[in-house]
Protein backbone atom coordinates (compact mmCIF):
# COMPACT_ATOMS: atom_id res chain seq x y z
CA MET A 1 0.00 0.00 0.00
CA GLN A 2 1.95 2.99 -1.30
CA GLN A 3 0.91 6.06 0.64
CA ASN A 4 2.38 9.43 1.59
CA GLY A 5 5.36 9.71 -0.74
CA GLU A 6 7.35 12.11 1.46
CA SER A 7 7.00 9.89 4.51
CA ASN A 8 7.92 6.80 2.48
CA GLU A 9 11.00 8.56 1.09
CA ALA A 10 12.15 9.61 4.58
CA THR A 11 11.61 6.06 5.87
CA TYR A 12 13.56 4.70 2.88
CA LYS A 13 16.52 7.03 3.54
CA LYS A 14 16.57 5.98 7.21
CA PHE A 15 16.50 2.33 6.10
CA ILE A 16 19.61 2.89 3.96
CA GLU A 17 21.46 4.65 6.79
CA ARG A 18 20.51 2.03 9.39
CA VAL A 19 21.44 -1.05 7.35
CA VAL A 20 24.82 0.44 6.47
CA ALA A 21 25.42 1.27 10.15
CA SER A 22 24.41 -2.23 11.29
CA ASP A 23 25.78 -4.20 8.30
CA ALA A 24 22.52 -6.16 8.12
CA VAL A 25 18.94 -6.20 6.90
CA TRP A 26 16.05 -8.21 8.30
CA GLY A 27 13.41 -10.27 6.56
CA LEU A 28 10.52 -12.44 7.66
CA SER A 29 10.71 -16.09 6.77
CA GLU A 30 9.03 -19.38 7.42
CA GLY A 31 11.56 -21.95 6.32
CA ASP A 32 12.47 -21.13 2.72
CA ILE A 33 9.47 -18.84 2.24
CA TRP A 34 10.03 -15.10 2.63
CA ALA A 35 7.44 -12.42 3.27
CA THR A 36 6.24 -10.90 0.01
CA SER A 37 3.41 -8.66 -1.03
CA SER A 38 1.80 -7.77 -4.32
CA SER A 39 2.98 -4.48 -5.74
CA ASN A 40 0.63 -1.57 -5.37
CA GLU A 41 2.22 0.15 -8.37
CA PHE A 42 2.65 -2.60 -10.95
CA ASP A 43 0.34 -5.42 -11.96
CA ASP A 44 1.68 -8.95 -11.58
CA THR A 45 4.77 -7.83 -9.63
CA GLU A 46 5.83 -9.17 -6.25
CA VAL A 47 7.66 -7.19 -3.61
CA ILE A 48 10.04 -8.87 -1.15
CA LEU A 49 10.05 -7.07 2.18
CA PHE A 50 13.10 -6.16 4.23
CA TRP A 51 13.52 -4.10 7.38
CA SER A 52 16.36 -2.25 9.06
CA SER A 53 15.63 -3.85 12.42
CA GLU A 54 14.39 -7.08 13.91
CA ALA A 55 11.63 -5.16 15.71
CA GLY A 56 10.40 -3.67 12.43
CA ALA A 57 10.23 -7.11 10.86
CA MET A 58 8.46 -8.65 13.85
CA ALA A 59 5.87 -5.85 13.87
CA CYS A 60 4.68 -7.27 10.55
CA ALA A 61 4.68 -10.94 11.62
CA GLU A 62 0.91 -11.18 11.81
CA ASP A 63 -2.06 -12.25 9.70
CA GLU A 64 -0.65 -14.07 6.65
CA TRP A 65 2.85 -13.93 8.17
CA ASP A 66 1.84 -15.16 11.61
CA GLY A 67 4.44 -17.73 12.56
CA TYR A 68 7.15 -16.17 10.40
CA LYS A 69 10.44 -15.43 12.16
CA ALA A 70 12.69 -12.40 11.75
CA GLU A 71 15.85 -13.45 9.96
CA GLN A 72 18.99 -11.37 9.75
CA VAL A 73 20.73 -11.09 6.38
CA PRO A 74 24.30 -9.72 6.29
CA LEU A 75 24.43 -6.53 4.22
CA VAL A 76 26.91 -7.94 1.70
CA GLU A 77 24.64 -10.98 1.15
CA PHE A 78 21.69 -8.62 0.67
CA LEU A 79 23.64 -6.69 -1.98
CA GLU A 80 25.24 -9.63 -3.80
CA ASN A 81 22.50 -12.23 -3.64
CA TRP A 82 19.17 -10.61 -2.83
CA CYS A 83 19.36 -7.37 -4.82
CA VAL A 84 20.96 -9.01 -7.84
CA GLY A 85 18.61 -12.01 -7.62
CA MET A 86 15.47 -9.89 -7.25
CA TYR A 87 16.57 -7.83 -10.25
CA GLY A 88 16.98 -11.01 -12.30
CA ASP A 89 13.57 -12.25 -11.17
CA HIS A 90 11.85 -8.90 -11.85
CA LEU A 91 10.89 -8.41 -8.21
CA LEU A 92 10.79 -5.19 -6.24
CA ALA A 93 12.11 -4.45 -2.75
CA GLY A 94 9.83 -3.10 -0.03
CA LEU A 95 12.05 -1.51 2.59
CA ASP A 96 10.89 -0.78 6.15
CA TRP A 97 7.20 -1.17 5.35
CA ASP A 98 4.91 -0.75 8.32
CA ALA A 99 2.36 -3.24 9.66
CA ALA A 100 -0.28 -1.75 7.34
CA LEU A 101 2.00 -2.73 4.42
CA SER A 102 2.61 0.90 3.61
CA GLY A 103 5.98 1.85 2.23
CA LYS A 104 8.13 2.53 -0.76
CA GLU A 105 8.56 -0.03 -3.52
CA THR A 106 11.93 0.22 -5.24
CA GLU A 107 13.98 -1.50 -7.88
CA PRO A 108 16.52 -3.66 -6.02
CA LEU A 109 19.49 -2.33 -7.99
CA GLU A 110 18.45 1.24 -7.22
CA ALA A 111 18.41 0.32 -3.52
CA ALA A 112 21.83 -1.32 -3.95
CA LEU A 113 23.22 1.91 -5.43
CA ASP A 114 21.80 3.91 -2.53
CA VAL A 115 23.49 1.49 -0.10
CA ILE A 116 26.76 1.85 -2.04
CA ASN A 117 26.55 5.64 -1.80
CA GLU A 118 25.89 5.44 1.94
CA LEU A 119 28.78 3.00 2.40
CA LYS A 120 31.03 5.56 0.69
CA ALA A 121 29.60 8.43 2.76
CA GLN A 122 30.26 6.48 5.97
CA LYS A 123 33.66 5.33 4.62
CA LYS A 124 32.79 1.72 5.38
CA LEU A 125 34.62 -1.19 3.83
CA VAL A 126 32.62 -4.17 2.55
CA LEU A 127 34.22 -7.45 1.56
CA PHE A 128 32.35 -9.02 -1.34
CA THR A 129 32.41 -12.69 -2.21
CA ASN A 130 31.37 -12.48 -5.87
CA TYR A 131 32.90 -9.10 -6.79
CA ASP A 132 36.45 -7.78 -6.60
CA SER A 133 35.53 -4.58 -4.76
CA LEU A 134 32.79 -2.09 -4.01
CA GLU A 135 33.76 -0.26 -7.21
CA ASP A 136 33.49 -3.49 -9.24
CA TYR A 137 30.03 -4.19 -7.79
CA GLU A 138 28.93 -0.60 -8.40
CA SER A 139 30.12 -0.59 -12.02
CA GLN A 140 28.25 -3.82 -12.75
CA ILE A 141 25.06 -2.49 -11.13
CA ILE A 142 25.30 0.74 -13.16
CA GLU A 143 25.96 -1.26 -16.33
CA ALA A 144 22.84 -3.39 -15.73
CA LEU A 145 20.71 -0.30 -15.07
CA ASN A 146 22.04 1.47 -18.17
CA SER A 147 21.36 -1.63 -20.26
CA ASP A 148 17.75 -1.62 -19.01
CA GLU A 149 17.35 2.04 -19.97
CA GLU A 150 18.70 1.35 -23.45
CA GLU A 151 16.23 -1.52 -23.89
CA GLU A 152 13.32 0.69 -22.80
CA GLU A 153 14.33 3.39 -25.29
CA ALA A 154 14.61 0.91 -28.18
């Protein structure tokens, strides 16, 4: 449920700052199943939800997610596996949504770039498994986004 754009944007920016500070994001899972929601902006698009705190995740563990547990995901795993994987699967990221499922929906690679920029701002070092460096990861993300823009223009 996408409401109040300014509030959602402020919440999103806080999410980025908090996950960089803590080196982790949180999701809700029940075994191999992760909390998702239908997009409020795009038909036939799923949104995978992540939070900047365990408490934020647990606040949403009700109704259809009753019984789900908050699961911590290291920030580098979120960037390398989740953001890249969601991009490949044409999924969106819902970051720090509230219990009413209100929040910003974002392209996962856009969120990854915002995390990269915050990592640089905080002068934090991240050790990637699948990329040579933060710069290597960033250049590949930008390349993928530019390739998408070129396809849309064609």
